[in-house]
Amino acid sequence: MRVAAALLGLLLCGAAAAGDEIAVIVAKDAPDLQIGAAMLRDIYLKKIFIDAHGRAFIPVNLPPDNPLRHALTGALFNRSTQQLQDYWNQRYFQGISPPYVLHSQDAVVQFVAKTPGAIGYIDPCHLDSHVKQVLSISAPPSQHEELERLCPPLTAPASNQ
């Protein structure tokens, strides 16, 4: 009984922490990548194009209205949506396009798993065996509640009493 209560407590603590983190992912067979927030920012701003192994980085984004993208933008870039749009307008005229946009977290996982050099971000509840997490970004506190809705809550196992 105590073990069941302890496990339930761990599940509830994990559920309470949902929405706090953003998982940055690469393909499971990608070379080991030492990456920090500053490097990730430069990859997404396309200031860094290749990794230490000479492989091109292919950053992917979620749609502009996606809460996870809002959270990443707030945590990583410290710029407004309009400032980022202005940045990409300038870069576009230099021949540099913004990251690809994929319609869902599942699409990000599938693309990253199959595309050498791809890097993306998802809610940790979407991690699967085809990708590996290389960085965890803390979502801004103002975004936690909205991000909690991206993953279904864990349900407690039925009691056999």
N, C-alpha and C. Protein backbone atom coordinates (compact mmCIF):
# COMPACT_ATOMS: atom_id res chain seq x y z
N MET A 1 0.82 -1.18 0.00
CA MET A 1 0.00 0.00 0.00
C MET A 1 0.87 1.26 0.00
N ARG A 2 1.96 1.23 0.83
CA ARG A 2 2.84 2.39 0.87
C ARG A 2 3.53 2.62 -0.46
N VAL A 3 3.92 1.52 -1.12
CA VAL A 3 4.58 1.64 -2.41
C VAL A 3 3.63 2.27 -3.42
N ALA A 4 2.37 1.84 -3.41
CA ALA A 4 1.38 2.40 -4.33
C ALA A 4 1.19 3.88 -4.05
N ALA A 5 1.14 4.26 -2.79
CA ALA A 5 0.97 5.67 -2.44
C ALA A 5 2.19 6.48 -2.88
N ALA A 6 3.39 5.92 -2.71
CA ALA A 6 4.60 6.61 -3.13
C ALA A 6 4.62 6.80 -4.64
N LEU A 7 4.25 5.75 -5.38
CA LEU A 7 4.20 5.87 -6.84
C LEU A 7 3.17 6.90 -7.28
N LEU A 8 2.02 6.91 -6.64
CA LEU A 8 1.00 7.90 -6.98
C LEU A 8 1.51 9.30 -6.68
N GLY A 9 2.23 9.47 -5.59
CA GLY A 9 2.80 10.77 -5.25
C GLY A 9 3.79 11.22 -6.30
N LEU A 10 4.63 10.30 -6.78
CA LEU A 10 5.59 10.65 -7.84
C LEU A 10 4.88 11.05 -9.12
N LEU A 11 3.82 10.32 -9.46
CA LEU A 11 3.05 10.66 -10.65
C LEU A 11 2.44 12.05 -10.53
N LEU A 12 1.89 12.34 -9.37
CA LEU A 12 1.26 13.65 -9.17
C LEU A 12 2.29 14.76 -9.18
N CYS A 13 3.47 14.53 -8.64
CA CYS A 13 4.54 15.54 -8.68
C CYS A 13 4.95 15.78 -10.12
N GLY A 14 5.06 14.70 -10.90
CA GLY A 14 5.42 14.85 -12.31
C GLY A 14 4.35 15.62 -13.06
N ALA A 15 3.09 15.36 -12.73
CA ALA A 15 2.02 16.09 -13.40
C ALA A 15 2.04 17.56 -13.01
N ALA A 16 2.39 17.84 -11.77
CA ALA A 16 2.45 19.23 -11.33
C ALA A 16 3.55 20.00 -12.04
N ALA A 17 4.61 19.27 -12.43
CA ALA A 17 5.72 19.92 -13.11
C ALA A 17 5.51 20.05 -14.62
N ALA A 18 4.43 19.44 -15.12
CA ALA A 18 4.16 19.52 -16.55
C ALA A 18 4.02 20.98 -16.96
N GLY A 19 4.54 21.29 -18.13
CA GLY A 19 4.44 22.66 -18.62
C GLY A 19 5.62 23.53 -18.24
N ASP A 20 6.54 23.01 -17.43
CA ASP A 20 7.69 23.80 -17.00
C ASP A 20 8.84 23.76 -17.99
N GLU A 21 8.93 22.69 -18.76
CA GLU A 21 10.10 22.46 -19.60
C GLU A 21 9.74 22.28 -21.07
N ILE A 22 10.72 22.61 -21.91
CA ILE A 22 10.63 22.39 -23.35
C ILE A 22 11.80 21.48 -23.70
N ALA A 23 11.51 20.36 -24.35
CA ALA A 23 12.55 19.40 -24.73
C ALA A 23 13.08 19.74 -26.13
N VAL A 24 14.38 19.94 -26.24
CA VAL A 24 15.04 20.16 -27.52
C VAL A 24 15.54 18.79 -27.98
N ILE A 25 15.19 18.42 -29.21
CA ILE A 25 15.44 17.05 -29.68
C ILE A 25 16.23 16.99 -30.98
N VAL A 26 16.93 15.85 -31.13
CA VAL A 26 17.59 15.46 -32.38
C VAL A 26 17.28 13.98 -32.59
N ALA A 27 17.65 13.44 -33.74
CA ALA A 27 17.42 12.02 -34.02
C ALA A 27 18.21 11.17 -33.03
N LYS A 28 17.67 10.01 -32.71
CA LYS A 28 18.32 9.15 -31.71
C LYS A 28 19.73 8.73 -32.14
N ASP A 29 19.98 8.62 -33.44
CA ASP A 29 21.30 8.19 -33.92
C ASP A 29 22.20 9.37 -34.31
N ALA A 30 21.78 10.58 -34.02
CA ALA A 30 22.61 11.76 -34.32
C ALA A 30 23.86 11.73 -33.44
N PRO A 31 24.96 12.27 -33.94
CA PRO A 31 26.17 12.33 -33.11
C PRO A 31 25.88 13.13 -31.83
N ASP A 32 26.61 12.79 -30.78
CA ASP A 32 26.43 13.52 -29.52
C ASP A 32 26.64 15.00 -29.76
N LEU A 33 25.77 15.79 -29.19
CA LEU A 33 25.77 17.22 -29.41
C LEU A 33 25.76 17.93 -28.06
N GLN A 34 26.81 18.67 -27.79
CA GLN A 34 26.86 19.49 -26.58
C GLN A 34 26.28 20.84 -26.95
N ILE A 35 25.12 21.12 -26.42
CA ILE A 35 24.41 22.34 -26.81
C ILE A 35 23.86 23.04 -25.58
N GLY A 36 23.98 24.34 -25.59
CA GLY A 36 23.41 25.17 -24.53
C GLY A 36 22.39 26.11 -25.13
N ALA A 37 21.77 26.90 -24.29
CA ALA A 37 20.74 27.82 -24.75
C ALA A 37 21.28 28.84 -25.76
N ALA A 38 22.49 29.36 -25.52
CA ALA A 38 23.06 30.35 -26.44
C ALA A 38 23.31 29.74 -27.82
N MET A 39 23.81 28.51 -27.86
CA MET A 39 24.05 27.86 -29.14
C MET A 39 22.72 27.57 -29.84
N LEU A 40 21.72 27.12 -29.09
CA LEU A 40 20.41 26.85 -29.67
C LEU A 40 19.83 28.13 -30.28
N ARG A 41 19.95 29.23 -29.56
CA ARG A 41 19.47 30.52 -30.06
C ARG A 41 20.16 30.85 -31.39
N ASP A 42 21.46 30.65 -31.46
CA ASP A 42 22.19 30.94 -32.70
C ASP A 42 21.81 30.00 -33.84
N ILE A 43 21.49 28.74 -33.50
CA ILE A 43 21.04 27.80 -34.53
C ILE A 43 19.69 28.27 -35.09
N TYR A 44 18.78 28.65 -34.19
CA TYR A 44 17.45 29.08 -34.63
C TYR A 44 17.47 30.44 -35.31
N LEU A 45 18.44 31.28 -34.99
CA LEU A 45 18.58 32.57 -35.69
C LEU A 45 19.44 32.44 -36.94
N LYS A 46 19.87 31.20 -37.19
CA LYS A 46 20.71 30.86 -38.34
C LYS A 46 21.99 31.69 -38.38
N LYS A 47 22.61 31.76 -37.20
CA LYS A 47 23.94 32.35 -37.09
C LYS A 47 24.99 31.24 -37.06
N ILE A 48 24.54 30.02 -36.68
CA ILE A 48 25.37 28.82 -36.75
C ILE A 48 24.66 27.88 -37.73
N PHE A 49 25.42 27.42 -38.74
CA PHE A 49 24.81 26.61 -39.80
C PHE A 49 25.20 25.14 -39.73
N ILE A 50 26.39 24.82 -39.17
CA ILE A 50 26.85 23.43 -39.16
C ILE A 50 27.35 23.06 -37.76
N ASP A 51 27.29 21.75 -37.48
CA ASP A 51 27.78 21.26 -36.19
C ASP A 51 29.27 20.91 -36.28
N ALA A 52 29.82 20.42 -35.20
CA ALA A 52 31.25 20.10 -35.14
C ALA A 52 31.63 18.97 -36.10
N HIS A 53 30.64 18.20 -36.55
CA HIS A 53 30.90 17.09 -37.47
C HIS A 53 30.71 17.51 -38.93
N GLY A 54 30.43 18.79 -39.17
CA GLY A 54 30.25 19.28 -40.53
C GLY A 54 28.85 19.08 -41.08
N ARG A 55 27.94 18.62 -40.25
CA ARG A 55 26.57 18.39 -40.69
C ARG A 55 25.75 19.67 -40.54
N ALA A 56 24.96 19.99 -41.55
CA ALA A 56 24.12 21.20 -41.51
C ALA A 56 23.04 21.07 -40.45
N PHE A 57 22.83 22.11 -39.69
CA PHE A 57 21.70 22.17 -38.76
C PHE A 57 20.45 22.51 -39.55
N ILE A 58 19.37 21.84 -39.24
CA ILE A 58 18.08 22.13 -39.85
C ILE A 58 17.08 22.36 -38.71
N PRO A 59 16.99 23.59 -38.22
CA PRO A 59 16.04 23.87 -37.13
C PRO A 59 14.61 23.89 -37.66
N VAL A 60 13.69 23.37 -36.86
CA VAL A 60 12.27 23.39 -37.22
C VAL A 60 11.47 24.05 -36.10
N ASN A 61 10.45 24.77 -36.51
CA ASN A 61 9.58 25.50 -35.60
C ASN A 61 8.18 24.94 -35.65
N LEU A 62 7.43 25.22 -34.62
CA LEU A 62 5.99 25.00 -34.63
C LEU A 62 5.33 26.26 -35.18
N PRO A 63 4.05 26.23 -35.51
CA PRO A 63 3.38 27.42 -36.06
C PRO A 63 3.44 28.61 -35.09
N PRO A 64 3.36 29.82 -35.62
CA PRO A 64 3.48 31.03 -34.79
C PRO A 64 2.46 31.11 -33.65
N ASP A 65 1.29 30.51 -33.81
CA ASP A 65 0.27 30.60 -32.76
C ASP A 65 0.36 29.46 -31.74
N ASN A 66 1.34 28.58 -31.88
CA ASN A 66 1.48 27.44 -30.96
C ASN A 66 2.03 27.91 -29.62
N PRO A 67 1.41 27.52 -28.50
CA PRO A 67 1.88 27.95 -27.18
C PRO A 67 3.32 27.54 -26.87
N LEU A 68 3.74 26.40 -27.38
CA LEU A 68 5.11 25.95 -27.14
C LEU A 68 6.11 26.86 -27.86
N ARG A 69 5.74 27.30 -29.05
CA ARG A 69 6.61 28.24 -29.77
C ARG A 69 6.67 29.58 -29.03
N HIS A 70 5.54 30.03 -28.49
CA HIS A 70 5.54 31.27 -27.70
C HIS A 70 6.48 31.13 -26.50
N ALA A 71 6.41 29.97 -25.84
CA ALA A 71 7.24 29.73 -24.66
C ALA A 71 8.72 29.71 -25.04
N LEU A 72 9.06 29.02 -26.13
CA LEU A 72 10.46 28.98 -26.57
C LEU A 72 10.94 30.37 -26.94
N THR A 73 10.12 31.12 -27.65
CA THR A 73 10.49 32.48 -28.04
C THR A 73 10.76 33.33 -26.81
N GLY A 74 9.89 33.23 -25.82
CA GLY A 74 10.08 34.00 -24.58
C GLY A 74 11.32 33.58 -23.81
N ALA A 75 11.58 32.28 -23.77
CA ALA A 75 12.70 31.77 -22.99
C ALA A 75 14.04 31.96 -23.69
N LEU A 76 14.06 31.88 -24.99
CA LEU A 76 15.32 31.82 -25.72
C LEU A 76 15.74 33.13 -26.37
N PHE A 77 14.81 33.86 -26.93
CA PHE A 77 15.17 35.00 -27.76
C PHE A 77 15.06 36.35 -27.07
N ASN A 78 14.24 36.45 -26.05
CA ASN A 78 14.04 37.72 -25.35
C ASN A 78 13.69 38.83 -26.34
N ARG A 79 12.86 38.48 -27.31
CA ARG A 79 12.39 39.42 -28.32
C ARG A 79 10.89 39.21 -28.49
N SER A 80 10.22 40.24 -28.93
CA SER A 80 8.78 40.10 -29.23
C SER A 80 8.62 39.38 -30.56
N THR A 81 7.42 38.93 -30.82
CA THR A 81 7.12 38.30 -32.10
C THR A 81 7.42 39.26 -33.24
N GLN A 82 7.07 40.53 -33.07
CA GLN A 82 7.31 41.53 -34.11
C GLN A 82 8.81 41.74 -34.34
N GLN A 83 9.59 41.76 -33.26
CA GLN A 83 11.04 41.92 -33.41
C GLN A 83 11.64 40.73 -34.17
N LEU A 84 11.15 39.52 -33.88
CA LEU A 84 11.64 38.36 -34.63
C LEU A 84 11.22 38.43 -36.09
N GLN A 85 10.01 38.88 -36.35
CA GLN A 85 9.57 39.03 -37.74
C GLN A 85 10.45 40.03 -38.47
N ASP A 86 10.78 41.15 -37.82
CA ASP A 86 11.67 42.15 -38.43
C ASP A 86 13.05 41.55 -38.70
N TYR A 87 13.55 40.74 -37.76
CA TYR A 87 14.84 40.07 -37.92
C TYR A 87 14.81 39.20 -39.18
N TRP A 88 13.76 38.38 -39.32
CA TRP A 88 13.69 37.48 -40.46
C TRP A 88 13.47 38.22 -41.76
N ASN A 89 12.76 39.33 -41.72
CA ASN A 89 12.62 40.14 -42.93
C ASN A 89 13.99 40.63 -43.41
N GLN A 90 14.83 41.06 -42.49
CA GLN A 90 16.18 41.51 -42.84
C GLN A 90 17.03 40.34 -43.36
N ARG A 91 16.96 39.20 -42.67
CA ARG A 91 17.76 38.03 -43.06
C ARG A 91 17.31 37.49 -44.43
N TYR A 92 16.02 37.57 -44.69
CA TYR A 92 15.50 37.08 -45.95
C TYR A 92 16.15 37.80 -47.12
N PHE A 93 16.35 39.10 -46.99
CA PHE A 93 16.97 39.87 -48.07
C PHE A 93 18.47 39.63 -48.15
N GLN A 94 19.01 38.89 -47.17
CA GLN A 94 20.40 38.45 -47.22
C GLN A 94 20.50 37.02 -47.74
N GLY A 95 19.34 36.46 -48.12
CA GLY A 95 19.31 35.10 -48.65
C GLY A 95 19.18 34.01 -47.60
N ILE A 96 18.81 34.38 -46.39
CA ILE A 96 18.69 33.40 -45.31
C ILE A 96 17.23 33.30 -44.88
N SER A 97 16.67 32.10 -45.00
CA SER A 97 15.26 31.86 -44.67
C SER A 97 15.12 31.44 -43.22
N PRO A 98 13.96 31.71 -42.62
CA PRO A 98 13.72 31.27 -41.24
C PRO A 98 13.60 29.74 -41.18
N PRO A 99 13.62 29.18 -39.97
CA PRO A 99 13.44 27.73 -39.83
C PRO A 99 12.11 27.25 -40.45
N TYR A 100 12.12 26.00 -40.89
CA TYR A 100 10.89 25.38 -41.40
C TYR A 100 9.84 25.39 -40.30
N VAL A 101 8.59 25.45 -40.68
CA VAL A 101 7.48 25.38 -39.73
C VAL A 101 6.72 24.08 -40.00
N LEU A 102 6.54 23.30 -38.95
CA LEU A 102 5.78 22.06 -39.03
C LEU A 102 4.51 22.22 -38.19
N HIS A 103 3.44 21.56 -38.59
CA HIS A 103 2.12 21.82 -38.02
C HIS A 103 1.86 21.26 -36.62
N SER A 104 2.66 20.30 -36.15
CA SER A 104 2.37 19.70 -34.84
C SER A 104 3.66 19.15 -34.20
N GLN A 105 3.55 18.85 -32.92
CA GLN A 105 4.68 18.25 -32.23
C GLN A 105 4.99 16.86 -32.79
N ASP A 106 3.96 16.11 -33.16
CA ASP A 106 4.19 14.80 -33.76
C ASP A 106 4.95 14.93 -35.09
N ALA A 107 4.60 15.96 -35.86
CA ALA A 107 5.32 16.20 -37.13
C ALA A 107 6.78 16.56 -36.86
N VAL A 108 7.02 17.33 -35.80
CA VAL A 108 8.40 17.69 -35.43
C VAL A 108 9.18 16.42 -35.09
N VAL A 109 8.59 15.54 -34.27
CA VAL A 109 9.26 14.30 -33.90
C VAL A 109 9.58 13.47 -35.14
N GLN A 110 8.62 13.30 -36.04
CA GLN A 110 8.83 12.50 -37.24
C GLN A 110 9.91 13.11 -38.14
N PHE A 111 9.86 14.42 -38.34
CA PHE A 111 10.83 15.09 -39.20
C PHE A 111 12.23 14.99 -38.61
N VAL A 112 12.35 15.27 -37.33
CA VAL A 112 13.67 15.23 -36.67
C VAL A 112 14.22 13.81 -36.70
N ALA A 113 13.38 12.82 -36.46
CA ALA A 113 13.83 11.42 -36.45
C ALA A 113 14.37 10.98 -37.81
N LYS A 114 13.82 11.52 -38.90
CA LYS A 114 14.17 11.06 -40.25
C LYS A 114 15.12 11.97 -41.01
N THR A 115 15.41 13.16 -40.47
CA THR A 115 16.19 14.14 -41.23
C THR A 115 17.54 14.40 -40.56
N PRO A 116 18.63 13.97 -41.18
CA PRO A 116 19.95 14.23 -40.59
C PRO A 116 20.17 15.74 -40.37
N GLY A 117 20.61 16.09 -39.18
CA GLY A 117 20.89 17.48 -38.85
C GLY A 117 19.71 18.26 -38.31
N ALA A 118 18.52 17.66 -38.34
CA ALA A 118 17.33 18.37 -37.86
C ALA A 118 17.37 18.51 -36.34
N ILE A 119 16.85 19.64 -35.87
CA ILE A 119 16.74 19.90 -34.44
C ILE A 119 15.39 20.59 -34.22
N GLY A 120 14.69 20.17 -33.20
CA GLY A 120 13.37 20.72 -32.93
C GLY A 120 13.10 20.79 -31.44
N TYR A 121 11.89 21.16 -31.11
CA TYR A 121 11.48 21.25 -29.71
C TYR A 121 10.05 20.76 -29.57
N ILE A 122 9.81 20.12 -28.43
CA ILE A 122 8.50 19.55 -28.14
C ILE A 122 8.27 19.59 -26.64
N ASP A 123 7.06 19.32 -26.24
CA ASP A 123 6.78 19.09 -24.83
C ASP A 123 7.34 17.71 -24.50
N PRO A 124 7.97 17.53 -23.34
CA PRO A 124 8.57 16.22 -23.02
C PRO A 124 7.62 15.03 -23.11
N CYS A 125 6.32 15.25 -22.98
CA CYS A 125 5.38 14.11 -23.07
C CYS A 125 5.32 13.53 -24.48
N HIS A 126 5.88 14.21 -25.46
CA HIS A 126 5.89 13.73 -26.85
C HIS A 126 7.18 13.01 -27.22
N LEU A 127 8.13 12.90 -26.27
CA LEU A 127 9.37 12.17 -26.55
C LEU A 127 9.06 10.71 -26.87
N ASP A 128 9.77 10.16 -27.84
CA ASP A 128 9.64 8.74 -28.11
C ASP A 128 11.02 8.16 -28.43
N SER A 129 11.08 6.90 -28.78
CA SER A 129 12.36 6.21 -28.97
C SER A 129 13.09 6.61 -30.25
N HIS A 130 12.49 7.40 -31.12
CA HIS A 130 13.13 7.80 -32.37
C HIS A 130 13.97 9.07 -32.25
N VAL A 131 13.82 9.77 -31.13
CA VAL A 131 14.56 11.01 -30.91
C VAL A 131 15.20 10.99 -29.52
N LYS A 132 16.15 11.89 -29.34
CA LYS A 132 16.73 12.03 -28.00
C LYS A 132 16.76 13.52 -27.64
N GLN A 133 16.59 13.74 -26.36
CA GLN A 133 16.60 15.10 -25.85
C GLN A 133 18.04 15.53 -25.61
N VAL A 134 18.42 16.71 -26.14
CA VAL A 134 19.78 17.20 -25.96
C VAL A 134 19.84 18.43 -25.06
N LEU A 135 18.68 19.00 -24.77
CA LEU A 135 18.63 20.20 -23.93
C LEU A 135 17.21 20.36 -23.40
N SER A 136 17.12 20.90 -22.21
CA SER A 136 15.83 21.23 -21.62
C SER A 136 15.83 22.74 -21.36
N ILE A 137 14.83 23.41 -21.89
CA ILE A 137 14.69 24.86 -21.73
C ILE A 137 13.54 25.10 -20.75
N SER A 138 13.76 25.92 -19.75
CA SER A 138 12.68 26.26 -18.82
C SER A 138 11.74 27.25 -19.47
N ALA A 139 10.47 26.89 -19.48
CA ALA A 139 9.46 27.79 -20.04
C ALA A 139 9.23 28.95 -19.07
N PRO A 140 8.94 30.14 -19.60
CA PRO A 140 8.64 31.26 -18.72
C PRO A 140 7.43 30.93 -17.84
N PRO A 141 7.46 31.31 -16.56
CA PRO A 141 6.35 30.99 -15.65
C PRO A 141 4.98 31.41 -16.19
N SER A 142 4.93 32.50 -16.93
CA SER A 142 3.64 32.96 -17.46
C SER A 142 3.06 31.98 -18.48
N GLN A 143 3.87 31.07 -18.99
CA GLN A 143 3.43 30.11 -20.00
C GLN A 143 3.07 28.74 -19.42
N HIS A 144 3.40 28.47 -18.16
CA HIS A 144 3.24 27.12 -17.60
C HIS A 144 1.82 26.59 -17.73
N GLU A 145 0.85 27.38 -17.36
CA GLU A 145 -0.53 26.89 -17.37
C GLU A 145 -0.97 26.51 -18.78
N GLU A 146 -0.62 27.33 -19.75
CA GLU A 146 -1.00 27.04 -21.14
C GLU A 146 -0.29 25.78 -21.65
N LEU A 147 0.97 25.60 -21.27
CA LEU A 147 1.71 24.43 -21.73
C LEU A 147 1.22 23.14 -21.08
N GLU A 148 0.69 23.24 -19.87
CA GLU A 148 0.17 22.05 -19.20
C GLU A 148 -0.95 21.40 -20.01
N ARG A 149 -1.65 22.18 -20.79
CA ARG A 149 -2.77 21.66 -21.58
C ARG A 149 -2.31 20.90 -22.82
N LEU A 150 -1.02 20.95 -23.15
CA LEU A 150 -0.53 20.29 -24.36
C LEU A 150 -0.41 18.79 -24.22
N CYS A 151 -0.37 18.31 -22.99
CA CYS A 151 -0.25 16.87 -22.75
C CYS A 151 -1.40 16.41 -21.89
N PRO A 152 -1.94 15.25 -22.20
CA PRO A 152 -3.03 14.75 -21.36
C PRO A 152 -2.52 14.46 -19.96
N PRO A 153 -3.33 14.73 -18.94
CA PRO A 153 -2.90 14.46 -17.57
C PRO A 153 -2.79 12.97 -17.33
N LEU A 154 -1.85 12.62 -16.45
CA LEU A 154 -1.72 11.22 -16.06
C LEU A 154 -2.90 10.86 -15.18
N THR A 155 -3.46 9.69 -15.40
CA THR A 155 -4.58 9.27 -14.57
C THR A 155 -4.08 8.22 -13.60
N ALA A 156 -4.61 8.25 -12.42
CA ALA A 156 -4.22 7.29 -11.39
C ALA A 156 -4.81 5.93 -11.73
N PRO A 157 -4.08 4.85 -11.46
CA PRO A 157 -4.62 3.51 -11.73
C PRO A 157 -5.84 3.26 -10.86
N ALA A 158 -6.77 2.49 -11.38
CA ALA A 158 -7.99 2.15 -10.63
C ALA A 158 -7.63 1.29 -9.43
N SER A 159 -8.31 1.50 -8.36
CA SER A 159 -8.07 0.75 -7.12
C SER A 159 -8.86 -0.55 -7.16
N ASN A 160 -8.24 -1.62 -6.68
CA ASN A 160 -8.92 -2.94 -6.64
C ASN A 160 -9.41 -3.24 -5.25
N GLN A 161 -10.28 -2.43 -4.73
CA GLN A 161 -10.78 -2.68 -3.36
C GLN A 161 -12.17 -3.18 -3.38
